[in-house]
Amino acid sequence: MSSETASRPGPEGEPGPEPGSGTGAGAGTGTESPPTPTARPESALSLPLETVAAAAPGPAMAVVAVRAGESRLLCRGASAATRFELGSVTKTFTALLLAEAVARGELGHDDPIAGRLPAAAVPEGYGDRITLAHLASHTAGLPVLPPGLLARAVPRFYTNPYEGFTPDHLLHALSQTRVRHPPGQRVRYSNFGVGLLGRLLSDAAGAPYGEALATRILTPLGLADSTCDPELPQATGHWHGRPRPPWRIPGLPGAGALRSSARDLQRYLEVLLSPPPEVDETLRTALHDVTRPRATAPGGDRMCLAWKARTHTARDGGDFDLLFHSGGTRGFTSFAGFCPAARVGLAAVTNSSPTLRGTFIRTAYRTLRDLAAEIPAR
């Protein structure tokens, strides 16, 4: 969680390099295979990987880095195939699912959500003006969490606060929401909004969110370990050193249900930076579409489709942009980011929940920034 959402349950609310990792202890990563050896020492990426690994609070962690065609991964207490809960990094996949449907011609970024909801569920105020792109770029004006979720979270607050919030509760929460400003004017991070987007995309695809994501994104990109299924083997999450059960988020899966492995995250970064020939034209278009800025957030960062973009200065004095997102569940912390111009990417996961004093996300972000800064700006 970021400082904005420390008192709220669930996926980390603010994407970015703010404090966000936990300080738990303990051991055990479920039923996965033995740990993968550390990265080869001759690689120039070895030290950056070790730097991020040193900040990981959980008993298991994985860090992957990609730079100019070279890829390295480092796992401890886990294998390259061990699944970690991604929390809000799931949102980048939901955005890609939207972009893919748009590239197919099935949906439009500017399609109003009112046409895809029961009339009684359309939020009051400016709710009828919300579009699919507003949901993906956090500019819809919806609150961080749906009305009523916190009350339902109390019985499971320390394990699965979202578990009692169902798809039916989502529609009811929409009917209890008022949008007070025209959409598109303000960036307001919203698990509610991207969770709703996942629901609308699954409805349009005629399949549950996890199935639609697997069919259209995960399988075509070769992400064989990635899944939204909480019943499949994964690392055991920890919260303040205590084991947590698998994360369940039935009413808002598009906001934080995905699990992934180090090798899948490596593949994800490689595809975002340079899609290989086997990726079809529709997905290529979608992969580019999610990187296009659509709004300016407070502080000057720009919002793309789920990804936040921030400008830095390279060693040669030129500017470059980083796109990034962080995430957290009750037992895991995650980060993913990349620099298209420098062809650099980094992802990091650990099986301990975020805390305000943790440095895992911040260290991962700074390491990515430093790697990108070494490449001449283009």
Protein backbone atom coordinates (compact mmCIF):
# COMPACT_ATOMS: atom_id res chain seq x y z
CA MET A 1 0.00 0.00 0.00
CA SER A 2 1.07 3.57 -0.50
CA SER A 3 0.76 6.28 2.08
CA GLU A 4 -2.57 7.24 0.51
CA THR A 5 -4.15 3.89 1.25
CA ALA A 6 -2.35 2.57 4.30
CA SER A 7 -5.61 2.35 6.24
CA ARG A 8 -7.46 0.65 3.41
CA PRO A 9 -7.41 -3.05 2.55
CA GLY A 10 -6.26 -4.43 -0.70
CA PRO A 11 -4.17 -3.74 -3.77
CA GLU A 12 -1.68 -0.97 -3.38
CA GLY A 13 -3.55 2.21 -4.13
CA GLU A 14 -0.93 4.49 -5.63
CA PRO A 15 1.33 3.32 -8.47
CA GLY A 16 4.85 4.59 -8.07
CA PRO A 17 8.06 4.51 -6.11
CA GLU A 18 6.54 5.53 -2.80
CA PRO A 19 7.22 3.44 0.32
CA GLY A 20 5.47 0.17 -0.20
CA SER A 21 7.10 -3.04 1.03
CA GLY A 22 6.70 -4.98 4.20
CA THR A 23 9.04 -6.13 6.95
CA GLY A 24 7.77 -9.63 7.65
CA ALA A 25 9.85 -12.68 8.49
CA GLY A 26 9.29 -16.40 8.29
CA ALA A 27 9.78 -19.11 5.71
CA GLY A 28 7.91 -21.25 3.25
CA THR A 29 6.70 -20.59 -0.28
CA GLY A 30 4.02 -23.18 -0.84
CA THR A 31 4.58 -26.16 -3.08
CA GLU A 32 6.95 -24.78 -5.71
CA SER A 33 10.23 -26.27 -6.92
CA PRO A 34 13.66 -25.56 -5.35
CA PRO A 35 15.14 -22.06 -5.49
CA THR A 36 16.81 -20.84 -8.66
CA PRO A 37 20.54 -19.97 -8.38
CA THR A 38 21.48 -16.31 -8.29
CA ALA A 39 22.21 -14.37 -11.46
CA ARG A 40 25.56 -15.03 -13.15
CA PRO A 41 28.23 -12.74 -11.63
CA GLU A 42 29.63 -11.71 -15.00
CA SER A 43 26.41 -9.92 -15.95
CA ALA A 44 26.35 -6.13 -15.66
CA LEU A 45 22.82 -6.55 -14.29
CA SER A 46 23.95 -8.68 -11.33
CA LEU A 47 24.63 -5.80 -8.94
CA PRO A 48 21.30 -4.04 -9.68
CA LEU A 49 19.48 -7.31 -9.08
CA GLU A 50 21.29 -7.83 -5.78
CA THR A 51 20.48 -4.27 -4.73
CA VAL A 52 16.75 -4.84 -5.14
CA ALA A 53 16.93 -8.30 -3.58
CA ALA A 54 18.57 -6.87 -0.47
CA ALA A 55 15.49 -4.69 0.13
CA ALA A 56 13.01 -7.58 -0.14
CA PRO A 57 11.28 -8.14 3.20
CA GLY A 58 9.74 -11.53 2.49
CA PRO A 59 11.26 -15.00 2.83
CA ALA A 60 10.94 -15.39 -0.94
CA MET A 61 11.65 -12.91 -3.69
CA ALA A 62 12.32 -12.61 -7.40
CA VAL A 63 13.82 -9.77 -9.43
CA VAL A 64 14.12 -9.64 -13.20
CA ALA A 65 15.91 -7.05 -15.33
CA VAL A 66 15.99 -6.50 -19.09
CA ARG A 67 18.37 -4.12 -20.84
CA ALA A 68 19.08 -3.78 -24.56
CA GLY A 69 18.30 -7.41 -25.29
CA GLU A 70 19.97 -8.88 -22.19
CA SER A 71 17.75 -10.45 -19.52
CA ARG A 72 18.64 -11.70 -16.05
CA LEU A 73 16.64 -12.97 -13.11
CA LEU A 74 17.45 -13.56 -9.46
CA CYS A 75 15.29 -15.74 -7.19
CA ARG A 76 15.68 -16.57 -3.52
CA GLY A 77 13.39 -18.87 -1.59
CA ALA A 78 11.54 -19.48 -4.85
CA SER A 79 12.02 -20.77 -8.36
CA ALA A 80 11.64 -18.93 -11.63
CA ALA A 81 8.20 -20.59 -11.93
CA THR A 82 6.92 -19.70 -8.44
CA ARG A 83 3.76 -17.59 -8.59
CA PHE A 84 3.57 -14.36 -6.59
CA GLU A 85 0.44 -12.26 -6.16
CA LEU A 86 0.81 -9.06 -8.19
CA GLY A 87 -1.90 -6.96 -6.54
CA SER A 88 -2.35 -3.71 -8.44
CA VAL A 89 0.19 -4.58 -11.14
CA THR A 90 -2.79 -6.58 -12.42
CA LYS A 91 -4.18 -3.24 -13.60
CA THR A 92 -1.56 -3.04 -16.35
CA PHE A 93 -2.90 -6.33 -17.75
CA THR A 94 -6.50 -5.09 -17.50
CA ALA A 95 -5.46 -1.99 -19.48
CA LEU A 96 -3.83 -4.23 -22.09
CA LEU A 97 -7.03 -6.26 -22.29
CA LEU A 98 -8.91 -3.03 -23.05
CA ALA A 99 -6.35 -1.94 -25.65
CA GLU A 100 -6.53 -5.35 -27.32
CA ALA A 101 -10.32 -5.16 -27.59
CA VAL A 102 -10.01 -1.66 -29.06
CA ALA A 103 -7.39 -2.86 -31.55
CA ARG A 104 -9.78 -5.64 -32.60
CA GLY A 105 -12.48 -3.03 -33.24
CA GLU A 106 -14.79 -4.55 -30.64
CA LEU A 107 -14.71 -1.58 -28.27
CA GLY A 108 -13.69 2.07 -28.33
CA HIS A 109 -11.74 4.01 -25.74
CA ASP A 110 -14.50 6.59 -25.72
CA ASP A 111 -17.35 4.13 -25.30
CA PRO A 112 -19.49 5.31 -22.34
CA ILE A 113 -19.92 2.81 -19.54
CA ALA A 114 -23.60 3.78 -19.30
CA GLY A 115 -24.28 1.77 -22.45
CA ARG A 116 -22.84 -1.35 -20.83
CA LEU A 117 -24.56 -1.16 -17.44
CA PRO A 118 -28.11 -1.55 -16.18
CA ALA A 119 -29.66 1.92 -15.99
CA ALA A 120 -30.00 1.68 -12.21
CA ALA A 121 -26.25 1.02 -11.82
CA VAL A 122 -25.01 4.13 -13.65
CA PRO A 123 -23.41 6.46 -11.07
CA GLU A 124 -25.24 9.70 -10.36
CA GLY A 125 -23.91 13.13 -11.27
CA TYR A 126 -21.48 12.89 -14.17
CA GLY A 127 -21.49 9.10 -14.18
CA ASP A 128 -23.09 8.87 -17.61
CA ARG A 129 -20.04 10.63 -19.09
CA ILE A 130 -17.50 8.05 -17.90
CA THR A 131 -15.76 6.15 -20.70
CA LEU A 132 -13.68 2.99 -20.73
CA ALA A 133 -10.50 5.05 -21.13
CA HIS A 134 -11.45 7.14 -18.10
CA LEU A 135 -11.57 3.97 -16.02
CA ALA A 136 -8.18 2.78 -17.30
CA SER A 137 -6.47 6.14 -16.75
CA HIS A 138 -7.96 6.82 -13.28
CA THR A 139 -9.80 9.91 -14.54
CA ALA A 140 -13.38 8.66 -14.12
CA GLY A 141 -13.89 10.44 -10.80
CA LEU A 142 -14.76 7.24 -8.92
CA PRO A 143 -13.52 6.80 -5.33
CA VAL A 144 -10.57 4.57 -4.44
CA LEU A 145 -12.86 1.84 -3.10
CA PRO A 146 -16.52 1.05 -3.77
CA PRO A 147 -19.08 2.26 -1.22
CA GLY A 148 -19.79 -0.49 1.27
CA LEU A 149 -16.56 -2.43 0.72
CA LEU A 150 -14.87 -1.38 3.95
CA ALA A 151 -17.84 -2.51 6.03
CA ARG A 152 -17.78 -5.90 4.35
CA ALA A 153 -13.99 -6.09 4.79
CA VAL A 154 -14.00 -5.95 8.58
CA PRO A 155 -14.51 -9.69 9.28
CA ARG A 156 -11.62 -10.58 6.93
CA PHE A 157 -9.51 -7.44 7.30
CA TYR A 158 -6.28 -9.27 8.17
CA THR A 159 -6.64 -12.03 5.61
CA ASN A 160 -8.93 -11.37 2.63
CA PRO A 161 -10.69 -7.99 2.96
CA TYR A 162 -12.07 -8.09 -0.59
CA GLU A 163 -13.40 -11.66 -0.36
CA GLY A 164 -16.90 -10.64 0.75
CA PHE A 165 -17.33 -8.11 -2.07
CA THR A 166 -19.00 -9.93 -4.97
CA PRO A 167 -19.85 -8.96 -8.57
CA ASP A 168 -23.41 -8.19 -7.45
CA HIS A 169 -22.06 -5.84 -4.77
CA LEU A 170 -20.13 -4.01 -7.49
CA LEU A 171 -23.29 -3.04 -9.36
CA HIS A 172 -25.01 -1.99 -6.15
CA ALA A 173 -21.99 0.13 -5.17
CA LEU A 174 -22.14 1.90 -8.53
CA SER A 175 -25.76 2.83 -7.91
CA GLN A 176 -24.69 4.39 -4.59
CA THR A 177 -21.91 6.49 -6.16
CA ARG A 178 -22.03 10.11 -7.26
CA VAL A 179 -19.43 11.49 -9.68
CA ARG A 180 -19.01 15.13 -8.70
CA HIS A 181 -16.73 16.37 -11.49
CA PRO A 182 -16.70 15.81 -15.25
CA PRO A 183 -14.58 12.75 -16.06
CA GLY A 184 -11.20 13.36 -17.66
CA GLN A 185 -10.36 16.45 -15.61
CA ARG A 186 -8.64 14.91 -12.58
CA VAL A 187 -6.49 11.87 -11.87
CA ARG A 188 -7.87 9.99 -8.88
CA TYR A 189 -6.46 6.51 -8.37
CA SER A 190 -9.31 4.02 -8.11
CA ASN A 191 -9.37 0.28 -7.48
CA PHE A 192 -13.12 0.68 -7.96
CA GLY A 193 -12.69 2.11 -11.46
CA VAL A 194 -10.26 -0.48 -12.81
CA GLY A 195 -12.21 -3.26 -11.12
CA LEU A 196 -15.30 -2.03 -12.95
CA LEU A 197 -13.31 -1.93 -16.20
CA GLY A 198 -12.37 -5.58 -15.72
CA ARG A 199 -16.04 -6.42 -15.23
CA LEU A 200 -17.09 -4.59 -18.41
CA LEU A 201 -14.31 -6.19 -20.44
CA SER A 202 -15.22 -9.67 -19.25
CA ASP A 203 -18.88 -9.00 -20.07
CA ALA A 204 -17.89 -7.86 -23.57
CA ALA A 205 -15.74 -10.97 -24.06
CA GLY A 206 -18.50 -13.25 -22.76
CA ALA A 207 -16.19 -14.91 -20.24
CA PRO A 208 -15.04 -14.43 -16.63
CA TYR A 209 -12.21 -11.95 -16.22
CA GLY A 210 -9.50 -14.54 -15.61
CA GLU A 211 -10.57 -16.59 -18.62
CA ALA A 212 -10.80 -13.56 -20.90
CA LEU A 213 -7.37 -12.36 -19.78
CA ALA A 214 -5.83 -15.79 -20.34
CA THR A 215 -7.37 -16.22 -23.79
CA ARG A 216 -6.57 -12.77 -25.15
CA ILE A 217 -3.40 -11.71 -23.33
CA LEU A 218 -1.63 -14.31 -21.21
CA THR A 219 -1.61 -17.26 -23.62
CA PRO A 220 -0.80 -15.25 -26.79
CA LEU A 221 2.13 -13.60 -24.97
CA GLY A 222 3.44 -16.91 -23.68
CA LEU A 223 2.82 -16.16 -19.98
CA ALA A 224 2.19 -19.77 -19.01
CA ASP A 225 2.54 -19.36 -15.23
CA SER A 226 0.26 -16.33 -14.90
CA THR A 227 -3.28 -16.88 -13.62
CA CYS A 228 -6.04 -15.35 -11.54
CA ASP A 229 -6.87 -18.71 -9.93
CA PRO A 230 -6.19 -18.62 -6.15
CA GLU A 231 -6.40 -22.43 -5.95
CA LEU A 232 -3.23 -23.09 -7.96
CA PRO A 233 0.15 -23.43 -6.20
CA GLN A 234 1.85 -20.17 -5.30
CA ALA A 235 4.23 -18.72 -2.75
CA THR A 236 2.82 -18.31 0.76
CA GLY A 237 2.21 -14.64 1.51
CA HIS A 238 3.18 -12.99 4.81
CA TRP A 239 1.79 -10.01 6.70
CA HIS A 240 3.93 -8.78 9.60
CA GLY A 241 5.68 -12.14 9.56
CA ARG A 242 2.51 -14.22 9.67
CA PRO A 243 1.45 -16.52 6.81
CA ARG A 244 -1.61 -15.33 4.90
CA PRO A 245 -4.08 -17.33 2.78
CA PRO A 246 -4.24 -16.79 -1.00
CA TRP A 247 -5.73 -13.45 -2.03
CA ARG A 248 -9.35 -13.46 -3.18
CA ILE A 249 -10.99 -10.51 -4.89
CA PRO A 250 -14.13 -11.85 -6.62
CA GLY A 251 -15.88 -8.52 -7.23
CA LEU A 252 -12.87 -6.59 -8.57
CA PRO A 253 -10.47 -9.12 -10.17
CA GLY A 254 -9.28 -6.61 -12.77
CA ALA A 255 -7.86 -4.48 -9.97
CA GLY A 256 -5.68 -7.10 -8.32
CA ALA A 257 -6.30 -10.84 -8.88
CA LEU A 258 -3.34 -11.85 -11.07
CA ARG A 259 -0.46 -14.09 -9.99
CA SER A 260 2.73 -14.35 -12.01
CA SER A 261 6.25 -15.79 -11.91
CA ALA A 262 9.73 -14.36 -12.43
CA ARG A 263 10.04 -15.92 -15.85
CA ASP A 264 6.63 -14.61 -16.93
CA LEU A 265 7.45 -11.11 -15.67
CA GLN A 266 10.70 -11.26 -17.63
CA ARG A 267 8.75 -12.20 -20.73
CA TYR A 268 6.20 -9.45 -20.05
CA LEU A 269 8.93 -6.80 -19.90
CA GLU A 270 10.59 -8.11 -23.06
CA VAL A 271 7.30 -8.00 -24.95
CA LEU A 272 6.50 -4.48 -23.72
CA LEU A 273 9.92 -3.26 -24.84
CA SER A 274 10.14 -5.12 -28.16
CA PRO A 275 7.34 -7.47 -29.23
CA PRO A 276 8.78 -10.57 -30.94
CA PRO A 277 7.62 -11.65 -34.41
CA GLU A 278 5.14 -14.21 -33.04
CA VAL A 279 3.05 -11.47 -31.39
CA ASP A 280 0.24 -10.59 -33.80
CA GLU A 281 -0.50 -7.11 -35.07
CA THR A 282 -3.51 -6.64 -32.81
CA LEU A 283 -1.47 -7.20 -29.66
CA ARG A 284 1.39 -5.11 -31.03
CA THR A 285 -1.00 -2.21 -31.44
CA ALA A 286 -2.35 -2.76 -27.94
CA LEU A 287 1.13 -2.92 -26.39
CA HIS A 288 1.91 0.47 -27.89
CA ASP A 289 -1.49 1.91 -26.99
CA VAL A 290 -1.09 1.34 -23.25
CA THR A 291 2.05 3.51 -23.19
CA ARG A 292 0.38 6.65 -24.59
CA PRO A 293 -0.14 9.41 -21.96
CA ARG A 294 -3.76 10.48 -21.51
CA ALA A 295 -3.82 12.73 -18.46
CA THR A 296 -1.52 14.62 -16.10
CA ALA A 297 -1.48 13.58 -12.47
CA PRO A 298 -0.70 15.82 -9.48
CA GLY A 299 3.04 16.49 -9.42
CA GLY A 300 3.40 16.38 -13.19
CA ASP A 301 3.44 12.63 -13.80
CA ARG A 302 1.33 11.45 -16.72
CA MET A 303 -1.25 8.68 -16.69
CA CYS A 304 -1.29 6.22 -19.55
CA LEU A 305 -3.65 3.23 -19.60
CA ALA A 306 -2.91 2.03 -16.02
CA TRP A 307 0.82 2.81 -16.29
CA LYS A 308 2.14 6.04 -14.77
CA ALA A 309 4.86 7.86 -16.75
CA ARG A 310 7.59 9.99 -15.16
CA THR A 311 10.39 11.92 -16.90
CA HIS A 312 14.04 11.76 -15.77
CA THR A 313 17.35 13.05 -17.10
CA ALA A 314 19.89 10.63 -18.57
CA ARG A 315 23.63 10.75 -17.96
CA ASP A 316 24.12 12.48 -21.31
CA GLY A 317 21.66 15.24 -20.38
CA GLY A 318 18.72 14.04 -22.44
CA ASP A 319 15.32 13.14 -21.04
CA PHE A 320 13.72 9.72 -20.82
CA ASP A 321 10.39 8.41 -19.51
CA LEU A 322 9.82 5.57 -17.08
CA LEU A 323 6.48 3.76 -17.06
CA PHE A 324 5.77 1.95 -13.81
CA HIS A 325 3.23 0.43 -11.44
CA SER A 326 3.43 -1.07 -7.97
CA GLY A 327 1.13 -3.40 -6.11
CA GLY A 328 0.39 -5.15 -2.87
CA THR A 329 -1.96 -7.68 -1.29
CA ARG A 330 -2.23 -8.94 2.28
CA GLY A 331 0.84 -11.08 1.69
CA PHE A 332 2.80 -9.74 -1.29
CA THR A 333 4.50 -6.64 -2.71
CA SER A 334 5.25 -6.09 -6.40
CA PHE A 335 6.75 -3.59 -8.83
CA ALA A 336 7.05 -3.46 -12.61
CA GLY A 337 8.47 -0.71 -14.79
CA PHE A 338 10.22 -0.07 -18.08
CA CYS A 339 11.81 2.62 -20.24
CA PRO A 340 10.83 2.23 -23.91
CA ALA A 341 13.57 4.57 -25.20
CA ALA A 342 16.40 2.77 -23.40
CA ARG A 343 14.83 -0.70 -23.76
CA VAL A 344 15.25 -1.27 -20.05
CA GLY A 345 12.79 -2.97 -17.71
CA LEU A 346 12.68 -4.28 -14.16
CA ALA A 347 10.16 -6.24 -12.12
CA ALA A 348 10.38 -7.32 -8.49
CA VAL A 349 8.11 -9.41 -6.24
CA THR A 350 8.30 -10.64 -2.66
CA ASN A 351 5.96 -12.60 -0.41
CA SER A 352 5.46 -10.00 2.31
CA SER A 353 2.82 -7.28 2.33
CA PRO A 354 3.62 -3.56 1.89
CA THR A 355 4.28 -1.29 4.86
CA LEU A 356 4.86 2.45 5.05
CA ARG A 357 8.49 2.04 6.13
CA GLY A 358 9.41 -0.58 3.56
CA THR A 359 11.91 0.24 0.82
CA PHE A 360 11.35 -2.58 -1.66
CA ILE A 361 9.30 -0.63 -4.19
CA ARG A 362 11.37 2.50 -3.84
CA THR A 363 14.60 0.54 -4.34
CA ALA A 364 13.20 -1.23 -7.40
CA TYR A 365 12.13 2.07 -8.92
CA ARG A 366 15.47 3.78 -8.30
CA THR A 367 17.36 0.82 -9.69
CA LEU A 368 15.28 0.92 -12.86
CA ARG A 369 15.82 4.67 -13.14
CA ASP A 370 19.60 4.30 -12.76
CA LEU A 371 19.74 1.54 -15.36
CA ALA A 372 17.82 3.66 -17.85
CA ALA A 373 19.93 6.74 -17.13
CA GLU A 374 23.08 4.97 -18.27
CA ILE A 375 21.70 4.59 -21.80
CA PRO A 376 22.08 7.64 -24.08
CA ALA A 377 18.73 9.41 -24.41
CA ARG A 378 16.98 9.01 -27.77
